[in-house]
Amino acid sequence: MTSFIHKGHLDFLSDNQKTELSKHFMTASTTAMPHQLAAQLGIEYSHALAVLADLEAQGVCEMKLLIYHNCEPDLPVGAIPYGTGFPDLPWTCPHCESIVENYDELSFDLMAISKQPIEFA
């Protein structure tokens, strides 16, 4: 079933941007990261993050905190549900099996996964 997202918290989006978002989220299990949406829609990162946070708040997306380790800085080596906080230290990297004792060795990003098709109106 398609979820319809109407005016409200996302009034900063133009009709063209809403159309682009509808195309992007036309199927379930679509992923989106704030920096990708910002570039795709020509909006600020904070607005792209607001879009994804609003979708999660409405229950149509699940947000994940992606974990990156210095051993492979361009590849997420883990993911945890958004809102649970950062991983507890010490943390073992599943990619290189190093024990991480300092957050300076890690970086983080966000990713949303749609639970169903989403249409922005």
PDB file of N, CA and C in Angstrom:
ATOM      1  N   MET A   1       0.841  -1.165   0.000  1.00  0.00           N
ATOM      2  CA  MET A   1       0.000   0.000   0.000  1.00  0.00           C
ATOM      3  C   MET A   1       0.898   1.245   0.000  1.00  0.00           C
ATOM      4  N   THR A   2       0.567   2.212  -0.803  1.00  0.00           N
ATOM      5  CA  THR A   2       1.312   3.457  -0.892  1.00  0.00           C
ATOM      6  C   THR A   2       0.909   4.396   0.228  1.00  0.00           C
ATOM      7  N   SER A   3       1.910   5.027   0.856  1.00  0.00           N
ATOM      8  CA  SER A   3       1.645   6.057   1.857  1.00  0.00           C
ATOM      9  C   SER A   3       1.718   7.411   1.180  1.00  0.00           C
ATOM     10  N   PHE A   4       0.815   8.296   1.536  1.00  0.00           N
ATOM     11  CA  PHE A   4       0.793   9.642   0.982  1.00  0.00           C
ATOM     12  C   PHE A   4       1.283  10.618   2.044  1.00  0.00           C
ATOM     13  N   ILE A   5       2.268  11.407   1.685  1.00  0.00           N
ATOM     14  CA  ILE A   5       2.821  12.414   2.580  1.00  0.00           C
ATOM     15  C   ILE A   5       2.308  13.766   2.094  1.00  0.00           C
ATOM     16  N   HIS A   6       1.532  14.444   2.929  1.00  0.00           N
ATOM     17  CA  HIS A   6       0.920  15.716   2.564  1.00  0.00           C
ATOM     18  C   HIS A   6       1.668  16.874   3.201  1.00  0.00           C
ATOM     19  N   LYS A   7       1.193  18.063   2.937  1.00  0.00           N
ATOM     20  CA  LYS A   7       1.819  19.257   3.486  1.00  0.00           C
ATOM     21  C   LYS A   7       1.943  19.162   4.994  1.00  0.00           C
ATOM     22  N   GLY A   8       2.838  19.913   5.510  1.00  0.00           N
ATOM     23  CA  GLY A   8       3.073  19.910   6.955  1.00  0.00           C
ATOM     24  C   GLY A   8       4.503  20.309   7.209  1.00  0.00           C
ATOM     25  N   HIS A   9       5.279  19.383   7.766  1.00  0.00           N
ATOM     26  CA  HIS A   9       6.659  19.664   8.105  1.00  0.00           C
ATOM     27  C   HIS A   9       7.550  19.843   6.874  1.00  0.00           C
ATOM     28  N   LEU A  10       7.097  19.433   5.727  1.00  0.00           N
ATOM     29  CA  LEU A  10       7.931  19.456   4.522  1.00  0.00           C
ATOM     30  C   LEU A  10       7.514  20.551   3.545  1.00  0.00           C
ATOM     31  N   ASP A  11       6.958  21.649   4.070  1.00  0.00           N
ATOM     32  CA  ASP A  11       6.501  22.743   3.211  1.00  0.00           C
ATOM     33  C   ASP A  11       7.632  23.420   2.444  1.00  0.00           C
ATOM     34  N   PHE A  12       8.872  23.203   2.850  1.00  0.00           N
ATOM     35  CA  PHE A  12      10.011  23.805   2.157  1.00  0.00           C
ATOM     36  C   PHE A  12      10.284  23.142   0.803  1.00  0.00           C
ATOM     37  N   LEU A  13       9.640  22.001   0.527  1.00  0.00           N
ATOM     38  CA  LEU A  13       9.840  21.309  -0.749  1.00  0.00           C
ATOM     39  C   LEU A  13       8.930  21.882  -1.828  1.00  0.00           C
ATOM     40  N   SER A  14       9.505  22.067  -3.013  1.00  0.00           N
ATOM     41  CA  SER A  14       8.700  22.525  -4.153  1.00  0.00           C
ATOM     42  C   SER A  14       7.921  21.340  -4.722  1.00  0.00           C
ATOM     43  N   ASP A  15       6.977  21.635  -5.599  1.00  0.00           N
ATOM     44  CA  ASP A  15       6.214  20.555  -6.250  1.00  0.00           C
ATOM     45  C   ASP A  15       7.144  19.651  -7.060  1.00  0.00           C
ATOM     46  N   ASN A  16       8.150  20.230  -7.724  1.00  0.00           N
ATOM     47  CA  ASN A  16       9.099  19.425  -8.497  1.00  0.00           C
ATOM     48  C   ASN A  16       9.915  18.505  -7.589  1.00  0.00           C
ATOM     49  N   GLN A  17      10.314  19.025  -6.426  1.00  0.00           N
ATOM     50  CA  GLN A  17      11.071  18.204  -5.487  1.00  0.00           C
ATOM     51  C   GLN A  17      10.204  17.072  -4.931  1.00  0.00           C
ATOM     52  N   LYS A  18       8.939  17.340  -4.678  1.00  0.00           N
ATOM     53  CA  LYS A  18       8.026  16.295  -4.210  1.00  0.00           C
ATOM     54  C   LYS A  18       7.846  15.220  -5.286  1.00  0.00           C
ATOM     55  N   THR A  19       7.772  15.647  -6.529  1.00  0.00           N
ATOM     56  CA  THR A  19       7.667  14.682  -7.636  1.00  0.00           C
ATOM     57  C   THR A  19       8.911  13.804  -7.695  1.00  0.00           C
ATOM     58  N   GLU A  20      10.088  14.420  -7.546  1.00  0.00           N
ATOM     59  CA  GLU A  20      11.340  13.654  -7.548  1.00  0.00           C
ATOM     60  C   GLU A  20      11.384  12.662  -6.389  1.00  0.00           C
ATOM     61  N   LEU A  21      10.950  13.098  -5.209  1.00  0.00           N
ATOM     62  CA  LEU A  21      10.909  12.196  -4.057  1.00  0.00           C
ATOM     63  C   LEU A  21       9.941  11.042  -4.289  1.00  0.00           C
ATOM     64  N   SER A  22       8.790  11.328  -4.880  1.00  0.00           N
ATOM     65  CA  SER A  22       7.820  10.267  -5.182  1.00  0.00           C
ATOM     66  C   SER A  22       8.421   9.245  -6.138  1.00  0.00           C
ATOM     67  N   LYS A  23       9.170   9.718  -7.137  1.00  0.00           N
ATOM     68  CA  LYS A  23       9.833   8.801  -8.075  1.00  0.00           C
ATOM     69  C   LYS A  23      10.871   7.956  -7.343  1.00  0.00           C
ATOM     70  N   HIS A  24      11.623   8.608  -6.450  1.00  0.00           N
ATOM     71  CA  HIS A  24      12.681   7.897  -5.730  1.00  0.00           C
ATOM     72  C   HIS A  24      12.099   6.795  -4.844  1.00  0.00           C
ATOM     73  N   PHE A  25      10.994   7.089  -4.168  1.00  0.00           N
ATOM     74  CA  PHE A  25      10.405   6.150  -3.217  1.00  0.00           C
ATOM     75  C   PHE A  25       9.223   5.384  -3.802  1.00  0.00           C
ATOM     76  N   MET A  26       9.229   5.123  -5.103  1.00  0.00           N
ATOM     77  CA  MET A  26       8.083   4.478  -5.741  1.00  0.00           C
ATOM     78  C   MET A  26       7.954   2.990  -5.398  1.00  0.00           C
ATOM     79  N   THR A  27       8.985   2.401  -4.811  1.00  0.00           N
ATOM     80  CA  THR A  27       8.896   0.999  -4.406  1.00  0.00           C
ATOM     81  C   THR A  27       9.351   0.854  -2.947  1.00  0.00           C
ATOM     82  N   ALA A  28       8.904  -0.208  -2.330  1.00  0.00           N
ATOM     83  CA  ALA A  28       9.339  -0.510  -0.966  1.00  0.00           C
ATOM     84  C   ALA A  28      10.814  -0.883  -0.977  1.00  0.00           C
ATOM     85  N   SER A  29      11.461  -0.740   0.154  1.00  0.00           N
ATOM     86  CA  SER A  29      12.873  -1.088   0.357  1.00  0.00           C
ATOM     87  C   SER A  29      13.842  -0.177  -0.399  1.00  0.00           C
ATOM     88  N   THR A  30      13.376   0.996  -0.784  1.00  0.00           N
ATOM     89  CA  THR A  30      14.252   1.980  -1.408  1.00  0.00           C
ATOM     90  C   THR A  30      15.101   2.612  -0.313  1.00  0.00           C
ATOM     91  N   THR A  31      16.379   2.799  -0.595  1.00  0.00           N
ATOM     92  CA  THR A  31      17.257   3.432   0.386  1.00  0.00           C
ATOM     93  C   THR A  31      17.530   4.874  -0.011  1.00  0.00           C
ATOM     94  N   ALA A  32      17.821   5.679   0.990  1.00  0.00           N
ATOM     95  CA  ALA A  32      18.174   7.077   0.755  1.00  0.00           C
ATOM     96  C   ALA A  32      19.069   7.539   1.895  1.00  0.00           C
ATOM     97  N   MET A  33      20.068   8.311   1.520  1.00  0.00           N
ATOM     98  CA  MET A  33      20.964   8.922   2.500  1.00  0.00           C
ATOM     99  C   MET A  33      20.819  10.432   2.372  1.00  0.00           C
ATOM    100  N   PRO A  34      20.951  11.155   3.469  1.00  0.00           N
ATOM    101  CA  PRO A  34      20.717  12.606   3.416  1.00  0.00           C
ATOM    102  C   PRO A  34      21.550  13.333   2.362  1.00  0.00           C
ATOM    103  N   HIS A  35      22.824  12.999   2.240  1.00  0.00           N
ATOM    104  CA  HIS A  35      23.650  13.705   1.261  1.00  0.00           C
ATOM    105  C   HIS A  35      23.216  13.392  -0.173  1.00  0.00           C
ATOM    106  N   GLN A  36      22.713  12.191  -0.412  1.00  0.00           N
ATOM    107  CA  GLN A  36      22.227  11.843  -1.747  1.00  0.00           C
ATOM    108  C   GLN A  36      20.966  12.630  -2.083  1.00  0.00           C
ATOM    109  N   LEU A  37      20.016  12.697  -1.124  1.00  0.00           N
ATOM    110  CA  LEU A  37      18.786  13.461  -1.368  1.00  0.00           C
ATOM    111  C   LEU A  37      19.094  14.944  -1.548  1.00  0.00           C
ATOM    112  N   ALA A  38      20.026  15.464  -0.762  1.00  0.00           N
ATOM    113  CA  ALA A  38      20.387  16.880  -0.879  1.00  0.00           C
ATOM    114  C   ALA A  38      20.891  17.181  -2.281  1.00  0.00           C
ATOM    115  N   ALA A  39      21.760  16.333  -2.797  1.00  0.00           N
ATOM    116  CA  ALA A  39      22.297  16.538  -4.153  1.00  0.00           C
ATOM    117  C   ALA A  39      21.212  16.333  -5.211  1.00  0.00           C
ATOM    118  N   GLN A  40      20.404  15.299  -5.057  1.00  0.00           N
ATOM    119  CA  GLN A  40      19.354  14.988  -6.030  1.00  0.00           C
ATOM    120  C   GLN A  40      18.313  16.095  -6.122  1.00  0.00           C
ATOM    121  N   LEU A  41      17.947  16.662  -4.978  1.00  0.00           N
ATOM    122  CA  LEU A  41      16.867  17.652  -4.942  1.00  0.00           C
ATOM    123  C   LEU A  41      17.367  19.090  -4.953  1.00  0.00           C
ATOM    124  N   GLY A  42      18.668  19.295  -4.763  1.00  0.00           N
ATOM    125  CA  GLY A  42      19.197  20.648  -4.695  1.00  0.00           C
ATOM    126  C   GLY A  42      18.793  21.371  -3.424  1.00  0.00           C
ATOM    127  N   ILE A  43      18.783  20.634  -2.292  1.00  0.00           N
ATOM    128  CA  ILE A  43      18.411  21.220  -1.008  1.00  0.00           C
ATOM    129  C   ILE A  43      19.577  21.070  -0.039  1.00  0.00           C
ATOM    130  N   GLU A  44      19.491  21.750   1.085  1.00  0.00           N
ATOM    131  CA  GLU A  44      20.530  21.644   2.097  1.00  0.00           C
ATOM    132  C   GLU A  44      20.464  20.285   2.782  1.00  0.00           C
ATOM    133  N   TYR A  45      21.620  19.861   3.301  1.00  0.00           N
ATOM    134  CA  TYR A  45      21.707  18.589   4.012  1.00  0.00           C
ATOM    135  C   TYR A  45      20.695  18.534   5.157  1.00  0.00           C
ATOM    136  N   SER A  46      20.566  19.634   5.892  1.00  0.00           N
ATOM    137  CA  SER A  46      19.643  19.653   7.037  1.00  0.00           C
ATOM    138  C   SER A  46      18.196  19.432   6.603  1.00  0.00           C
ATOM    139  N   HIS A  47      17.830  19.948   5.416  1.00  0.00           N
ATOM    140  CA  HIS A  47      16.475  19.716   4.911  1.00  0.00           C
ATOM    141  C   HIS A  47      16.292  18.261   4.475  1.00  0.00           C
ATOM    142  N   ALA A  48      17.320  17.684   3.861  1.00  0.00           N
ATOM    143  CA  ALA A  48      17.240  16.276   3.465  1.00  0.00           C
ATOM    144  C   ALA A  48      17.116  15.390   4.700  1.00  0.00           C
ATOM    145  N   LEU A  49      17.863  15.724   5.743  1.00  0.00           N
ATOM    146  CA  LEU A  49      17.762  14.974   6.989  1.00  0.00           C
ATOM    147  C   LEU A  49      16.370  15.127   7.594  1.00  0.00           C
ATOM    148  N   ALA A  50      15.793  16.319   7.500  1.00  0.00           N
ATOM    149  CA  ALA A  50      14.436  16.553   8.012  1.00  0.00           C
ATOM    150  C   ALA A  50      13.415  15.702   7.261  1.00  0.00           C
ATOM    151  N   VAL A  51      13.580  15.568   5.950  1.00  0.00           N
ATOM    152  CA  VAL A  51      12.676  14.724   5.156  1.00  0.00           C
ATOM    153  C   VAL A  51      12.716  13.288   5.679  1.00  0.00           C
ATOM    154  N   LEU A  52      13.922  12.756   5.847  1.00  0.00           N
ATOM    155  CA  LEU A  52      14.050  11.366   6.279  1.00  0.00           C
ATOM    156  C   LEU A  52      13.560  11.173   7.716  1.00  0.00           C
ATOM    157  N   ALA A  53      13.849  12.126   8.580  1.00  0.00           N
ATOM    158  CA  ALA A  53      13.372  12.029   9.966  1.00  0.00           C
ATOM    159  C   ALA A  53      11.847  12.068  10.019  1.00  0.00           C
ATOM    160  N   ASP A  54      11.233  12.904   9.177  1.00  0.00           N
ATOM    161  CA  ASP A  54       9.776  12.980   9.130  1.00  0.00           C
ATOM    162  C   ASP A  54       9.177  11.663   8.627  1.00  0.00           C
ATOM    163  N   LEU A  55       9.818  11.059   7.629  1.00  0.00           N
ATOM    164  CA  LEU A  55       9.329   9.782   7.114  1.00  0.00           C
ATOM    165  C   LEU A  55       9.424   8.691   8.182  1.00  0.00           C
ATOM    166  N   GLU A  56      10.506   8.708   8.947  1.00  0.00           N
ATOM    167  CA  GLU A  56      10.618   7.717  10.017  1.00  0.00           C
ATOM    168  C   GLU A  56       9.567   7.970  11.098  1.00  0.00           C
ATOM    169  N   ALA A  57       9.359   9.235  11.440  1.00  0.00           N
ATOM    170  CA  ALA A  57       8.367   9.577  12.463  1.00  0.00           C
ATOM    171  C   ALA A  57       6.964   9.129  12.047  1.00  0.00           C
ATOM    172  N   GLN A  58       6.700   9.142  10.740  1.00  0.00           N
ATOM    173  CA  GLN A  58       5.398   8.708  10.243  1.00  0.00           C
ATOM    174  C   GLN A  58       5.323   7.194  10.047  1.00  0.00           C
ATOM    175  N   GLY A  59       6.423   6.503  10.303  1.00  0.00           N
ATOM    176  CA  GLY A  59       6.430   5.048  10.244  1.00  0.00           C
ATOM    177  C   GLY A  59       6.562   4.447   8.861  1.00  0.00           C
ATOM    178  N   VAL A  60       6.950   5.242   7.877  1.00  0.00           N
ATOM    179  CA  VAL A  60       7.052   4.713   6.512  1.00  0.00           C
ATOM    180  C   VAL A  60       8.487   4.412   6.103  1.00  0.00           C
ATOM    181  N   CYS A  61       9.451   4.812   6.949  1.00  0.00           N
ATOM    182  CA  CYS A  61      10.863   4.518   6.717  1.00  0.00           C
ATOM    183  C   CYS A  61      11.486   4.045   8.019  1.00  0.00           C
ATOM    184  N   GLU A  62      12.523   3.273   7.886  1.00  0.00           N
ATOM    185  CA  GLU A  62      13.326   2.867   9.030  1.00  0.00           C
ATOM    186  C   GLU A  62      14.712   3.473   8.848  1.00  0.00           C
ATOM    187  N   MET A  63      15.157   4.226   9.837  1.00  0.00           N
ATOM    188  CA  MET A  63      16.470   4.866   9.766  1.00  0.00           C
ATOM    189  C   MET A  63      17.520   3.971  10.419  1.00  0.00           C
ATOM    190  N   LYS A  64      18.697   3.949   9.813  1.00  0.00           N
ATOM    191  CA  LYS A  64      19.842   3.208  10.332  1.00  0.00           C
ATOM    192  C   LYS A  64      21.023   4.166  10.488  1.00  0.00           C
ATOM    193  N   LEU A  65      21.795   3.964  11.536  1.00  0.00           N
ATOM    194  CA  LEU A  65      23.057   4.656  11.710  1.00  0.00           C
ATOM    195  C   LEU A  65      24.125   3.741  11.138  1.00  0.00           C
ATOM    196  N   LEU A  66      24.756   4.180  10.052  1.00  0.00           N
ATOM    197  CA  LEU A  66      25.810   3.389   9.430  1.00  0.00           C
ATOM    198  C   LEU A  66      27.121   3.667  10.153  1.00  0.00           C
ATOM    199  N   ILE A  67      27.893   2.626  10.361  1.00  0.00           N
ATOM    200  CA  ILE A  67      29.166   2.731  11.068  1.00  0.00           C
ATOM    201  C   ILE A  67      30.297   2.462  10.077  1.00  0.00           C
ATOM    202  N   TYR A  68      31.237   3.390  10.031  1.00  0.00           N
ATOM    203  CA  TYR A  68      32.419   3.257   9.177  1.00  0.00           C
ATOM    204  C   TYR A  68      33.654   3.177  10.075  1.00  0.00           C
ATOM    205  N   HIS A  69      34.595   2.321   9.699  1.00  0.00           N
ATOM    206  CA  HIS A  69      35.846   2.191  10.444  1.00  0.00           C
ATOM    207  C   HIS A  69      37.003   2.601   9.540  1.00  0.00           C
ATOM    208  N   ASN A  70      38.082   3.053  10.150  1.00  0.00           N
ATOM    209  CA  ASN A  70      39.258   3.503   9.392  1.00  0.00           C
ATOM    210  C   ASN A  70      39.838   2.420   8.481  1.00  0.00           C
ATOM    211  N   CYS A  71      39.579   1.156   8.768  1.00  0.00           N
ATOM    212  CA  CYS A  71      40.128   0.073   7.938  1.00  0.00           C
ATOM    213  C   CYS A  71      39.542   0.091   6.527  1.00  0.00           C
ATOM    214  N   GLU A  72      38.348   0.607   6.383  1.00  0.00           N
ATOM    215  CA  GLU A  72      37.659   0.678   5.083  1.00  0.00           C
ATOM    216  C   GLU A  72      36.747   1.900   5.122  1.00  0.00           C
ATOM    217  N   PRO A  73      37.333   3.111   5.002  1.00  0.00           N
ATOM    218  CA  PRO A  73      36.572   4.337   5.279  1.00  0.00           C
ATOM    219  C   PRO A  73      35.394   4.615   4.343  1.00  0.00           C
ATOM    220  N   ASP A  74      35.345   3.986   3.179  1.00  0.00           N
ATOM    221  CA  ASP A  74      34.245   4.236   2.248  1.00  0.00           C
ATOM    222  C   ASP A  74      33.175   3.147   2.271  1.00  0.00           C
ATOM    223  N   LEU A  75      33.324   2.181   3.164  1.00  0.00           N
ATOM    224  CA  LEU A  75      32.409   1.047   3.222  1.00  0.00           C
ATOM    225  C   LEU A  75      31.828   0.939   4.629  1.00  0.00           C
ATOM    226  N   PRO A  76      30.498   0.975   4.756  1.00  0.00           N
ATOM    227  CA  PRO A  76      29.951   0.782   6.101  1.00  0.00           C
ATOM    228  C   PRO A  76      30.237  -0.638   6.584  1.00  0.00           C
ATOM    229  N   VAL A  77      30.753  -0.738   7.800  1.00  0.00           N
ATOM    230  CA  VAL A  77      31.077  -2.047   8.359  1.00  0.00           C
ATOM    231  C   VAL A  77      30.025  -2.505   9.372  1.00  0.00           C
ATOM    232  N   GLY A  78      29.038  -1.654   9.616  1.00  0.00           N
ATOM    233  CA  GLY A  78      27.968  -2.006  10.530  1.00  0.00           C
ATOM    234  C   GLY A  78      26.819  -1.030  10.409  1.00  0.00           C
ATOM    235  N   ALA A  79      25.683  -1.402  10.967  1.00  0.00           N
ATOM    236  CA  ALA A  79      24.495  -0.542  10.983  1.00  0.00           C
ATOM    237  C   ALA A  79      23.665  -0.909  12.200  1.00  0.00           C
ATOM    238  N   ILE A  80      23.167   0.132  12.871  1.00  0.00           N
ATOM    239  CA  ILE A  80      22.305  -0.074  14.025  1.00  0.00           C
ATOM    240  C   ILE A  80      21.084   0.821  13.872  1.00  0.00           C
ATOM    241  N   PRO A  81      19.991   0.497  14.538  1.00  0.00           N
ATOM    242  CA  PRO A  81      18.809   1.349  14.433  1.00  0.00           C
ATOM    243  C   PRO A  81      19.117   2.777  14.892  1.00  0.00           C
ATOM    244  N   TYR A  82      18.641   3.741  14.123  1.00  0.00           N
ATOM    245  CA  TYR A  82      18.804   5.151  14.467  1.00  0.00           C
ATOM    246  C   TYR A  82      18.062   5.426  15.769  1.00  0.00           C
ATOM    247  N   GLY A  83      18.664   6.204  16.623  1.00  0.00           N
ATOM    248  CA  GLY A  83      18.015   6.550  17.876  1.00  0.00           C
ATOM    249  C   GLY A  83      18.467   5.708  19.052  1.00  0.00           C
ATOM    250  N   THR A  84      19.257   4.663  18.795  1.00  0.00           N
ATOM    251  CA  THR A  84      19.757   3.843  19.894  1.00  0.00           C
ATOM    252  C   THR A  84      21.085   4.367  20.423  1.00  0.00           C
ATOM    253  N   GLY A  85      21.611   5.390  19.782  1.00  0.00           N
ATOM    254  CA  GLY A  85      22.893   5.944  20.195  1.00  0.00           C
ATOM    255  C   GLY A  85      24.040   5.322  19.425  1.00  0.00           C
ATOM    256  N   PHE A  86      25.229   5.728  19.792  1.00  0.00           N
ATOM    257  CA  PHE A  86      26.424   5.200  19.142  1.00  0.00           C
ATOM    258  C   PHE A  86      26.764   3.838  19.738  1.00  0.00           C
ATOM    259  N   PRO A  87      27.533   3.039  19.004  1.00  0.00           N
ATOM    260  CA  PRO A  87      27.876   1.716  19.542  1.00  0.00           C
ATOM    261  C   PRO A  87      28.725   1.855  20.808  1.00  0.00           C
ATOM    262  N   ASP A  88      28.546   0.917  21.705  1.00  0.00           N
ATOM    263  CA  ASP A  88      29.339   0.905  22.932  1.00  0.00           C
ATOM    264  C   ASP A  88      30.790   0.580  22.599  1.00  0.00           C
ATOM    265  N   LEU A  89      31.687   1.219  23.312  1.00  0.00           N
ATOM    266  CA  LEU A  89      33.108   0.929  23.183  1.00  0.00           C
ATOM    267  C   LEU A  89      33.539   0.091  24.384  1.00  0.00           C
ATOM    268  N   PRO A  90      34.460  -0.811  24.261  1.00  0.00           N
ATOM    269  CA  PRO A  90      35.131  -1.161  23.010  1.00  0.00           C
ATOM    270  C   PRO A  90      34.173  -1.871  22.049  1.00  0.00           C
ATOM    271  N   TRP A  91      34.429  -1.676  20.768  1.00  0.00           N
ATOM    272  CA  TRP A  91      33.601  -2.224  19.699  1.00  0.00           C
ATOM    273  C   TRP A  91      34.519  -2.983  18.752  1.00  0.00           C
ATOM    274  N   THR A  92      34.105  -4.152  18.330  1.00  0.00           N
ATOM    275  CA  THR A  92      34.926  -4.950  17.412  1.00  0.00           C
ATOM    276  C   THR A  92      34.431  -4.745  15.990  1.00  0.00           C
ATOM    277  N   CYS A  93      35.322  -4.312  15.134  1.00  0.00           N
ATOM    278  CA  CYS A  93      34.978  -4.113  13.722  1.00  0.00           C
ATOM    279  C   CYS A  93      34.741  -5.473  13.077  1.00  0.00           C
ATOM    280  N   PRO A  94      33.561  -5.680  12.496  1.00  0.00           N
ATOM    281  CA  PRO A  94      33.297  -6.976  11.866  1.00  0.00           C
ATOM    282  C   PRO A  94      34.088  -7.186  10.569  1.00  0.00           C
ATOM    283  N   HIS A  95      34.657  -6.108  10.021  1.00  0.00           N
ATOM    284  CA  HIS A  95      35.399  -6.224   8.764  1.00  0.00           C
ATOM    285  C   HIS A  95      36.848  -6.654   9.004  1.00  0.00           C
ATOM    286  N   CYS A  96      37.536  -5.958   9.927  1.00  0.00           N
ATOM    287  CA  CYS A  96      38.954  -6.258  10.154  1.00  0.00           C
ATOM    288  C   CYS A  96      39.215  -6.914  11.504  1.00  0.00           C
ATOM    289  N   GLU A  97      38.169  -7.011  12.325  1.00  0.00           N
ATOM    290  CA  GLU A  97      38.218  -7.633  13.643  1.00  0.00           C
ATOM    291  C   GLU A  97      39.096  -6.888  14.647  1.00  0.00           C
ATOM    292  N   SER A  98      39.438  -5.632  14.347  1.00  0.00           N
ATOM    293  CA  SER A  98      40.171  -4.804  15.304  1.00  0.00           C
ATOM    294  C   SER A  98      39.232  -4.362  16.421  1.00  0.00           C
ATOM    295  N   ILE A  99      39.794  -4.183  17.589  1.00  0.00           N
ATOM    296  CA  ILE A  99      39.021  -3.668  18.712  1.00  0.00           C
ATOM    297  C   ILE A  99      39.159  -2.152  18.717  1.00  0.00           C
ATOM    298  N   VAL A 100      38.027  -1.472  18.609  1.00  0.00           N
ATOM    299  CA  VAL A 100      37.988  -0.013  18.567  1.00  0.00           C
ATOM    300  C   VAL A 100      37.708   0.488  19.973  1.00  0.00           C
ATOM    301  N   GLU A 101      38.594   1.343  20.479  1.00  0.00           N
ATOM    302  CA  GLU A 101      38.436   1.864  21.831  1.00  0.00           C
ATOM    303  C   GLU A 101      38.206   3.367  21.848  1.00  0.00           C
ATOM    304  N   ASN A 102      38.195   3.994  20.663  1.00  0.00           N
ATOM    305  CA  ASN A 102      38.055   5.446  20.584  1.00  0.00           C
ATOM    306  C   ASN A 102      37.169   5.788  19.382  1.00  0.00           C
ATOM    307  N   TYR A 103      36.217   6.672  19.588  1.00  0.00           N
ATOM    308  CA  TYR A 103      35.314   7.050  18.490  1.00  0.00           C
ATOM    309  C   TYR A 103      36.048   7.748  17.345  1.00  0.00           C
ATOM    310  N   ASP A 104      37.261   8.225  17.575  1.00  0.00           N
ATOM    311  CA  ASP A 104      38.030   8.859  16.497  1.00  0.00           C
ATOM    312  C   ASP A 104      38.329   7.889  15.356  1.00  0.00           C
ATOM    313  N   GLU A 105      38.257   6.591  15.634  1.00  0.00           N
ATOM    314  CA  GLU A 105      38.498   5.581  14.602  1.00  0.00           C
ATOM    315  C   GLU A 105      37.249   5.291  13.771  1.00  0.00           C
ATOM    316  N   LEU A 106      36.120   5.843  14.194  1.00  0.00           N
ATOM    317  CA  LEU A 106      34.847   5.565  13.525  1.00  0.00           C
ATOM    318  C   LEU A 106      34.273   6.835  12.923  1.00  0.00           C
ATOM    319  N   SER A 107      33.457   6.668  11.907  1.00  0.00           N
ATOM    320  CA  SER A 107      32.624   7.760  11.400  1.00  0.00           C
ATOM    321  C   SER A 107      31.241   7.172  11.156  1.00  0.00           C
ATOM    322  N   PHE A 108      30.280   8.075  10.974  1.00  0.00           N
ATOM    323  CA  PHE A 108      28.888   7.636  10.928  1.00  0.00           C
ATOM    324  C   PHE A 108      28.139   8.364   9.827  1.00  0.00           C
ATOM    325  N   ASP A 109      27.094   7.738   9.333  1.00  0.00           N
ATOM    326  CA  ASP A 109      26.183   8.359   8.377  1.00  0.00           C
ATOM    327  C   ASP A 109      24.801   7.759   8.635  1.00  0.00           C
ATOM    328  N   LEU A 110      23.811   8.330   7.999  1.00  0.00           N
ATOM    329  CA  LEU A 110      22.443   7.853   8.156  1.00  0.00           C
ATOM    330  C   LEU A 110      21.925   7.303   6.837  1.00  0.00           C
ATOM    331  N   MET A 111      21.052   6.316   6.928  1.00  0.00           N
ATOM    332  CA  MET A 111      20.393   5.766   5.753  1.00  0.00           C
ATOM    333  C   MET A 111      18.963   5.418   6.136  1.00  0.00           C
ATOM    334  N   ALA A 112      18.046   5.750   5.258  1.00  0.00           N
ATOM    335  CA  ALA A 112      16.637   5.398   5.447  1.00  0.00           C
ATOM    336  C   ALA A 112      16.290   4.292   4.464  1.00  0.00           C
ATOM    337  N   ILE A 113      15.441   3.384   4.910  1.00  0.00           N
ATOM    338  CA  ILE A 113      14.928   2.315   4.064  1.00  0.00           C
ATOM    339  C   ILE A 113      13.405   2.402   4.113  1.00  0.00           C
ATOM    340  N   SER A 114      12.791   2.588   2.944  1.00  0.00           N
ATOM    341  CA  SER A 114      11.334   2.723   2.922  1.00  0.00           C
ATOM    342  C   SER A 114      10.677   1.370   3.177  1.00  0.00           C
ATOM    343  N   LYS A 115       9.589   1.393   3.930  1.00  0.00           N
ATOM    344  CA  LYS A 115       8.839   0.178   4.227  1.00  0.00           C
ATOM    345  C   LYS A 115       7.786  -0.116   3.175  1.00  0.00           C
ATOM    346  N   GLN A 116       7.448   0.896   2.381  1.00  0.00           N
ATOM    347  CA  GLN A 116       6.395   0.785   1.361  1.00  0.00           C
ATOM    348  C   GLN A 116       6.606   1.927   0.373  1.00  0.00           C
ATOM    349  N   PRO A 117       5.911   1.903  -0.755  1.00  0.00           N
ATOM    350  CA  PRO A 117       5.992   3.046  -1.668  1.00  0.00           C
ATOM    351  C   PRO A 117       5.477   4.308  -0.967  1.00  0.00           C
ATOM    352  N   ILE A 118       6.081   5.447  -1.284  1.00  0.00           N
ATOM    353  CA  ILE A 118       5.698   6.717  -0.668  1.00  0.00           C
ATOM    354  C   ILE A 118       5.450   7.737  -1.774  1.00  0.00           C
ATOM    355  N   GLU A 119       4.332   8.413  -1.691  1.00  0.00           N
ATOM    356  CA  GLU A 119       4.020   9.484  -2.638  1.00  0.00           C
ATOM    357  C   GLU A 119       3.891  10.792  -1.887  1.00  0.00           C
ATOM    358  N   PHE A 120       4.567  11.809  -2.389  1.00  0.00           N
ATOM    359  CA  PHE A 120       4.546  13.126  -1.778  1.00  0.00           C
ATOM    360  C   PHE A 120       3.555  14.002  -2.534  1.00  0.00           C
ATOM    361  N   ALA A 121       2.610  14.598  -1.821  1.00  0.00           N
ATOM    362  CA  ALA A 121       1.586  15.423  -2.471  1.00  0.00           C
ATOM    363  C   ALA A 121       1.677  16.851  -1.976  1.00  0.00           C
TER     364      ALA A 121
END
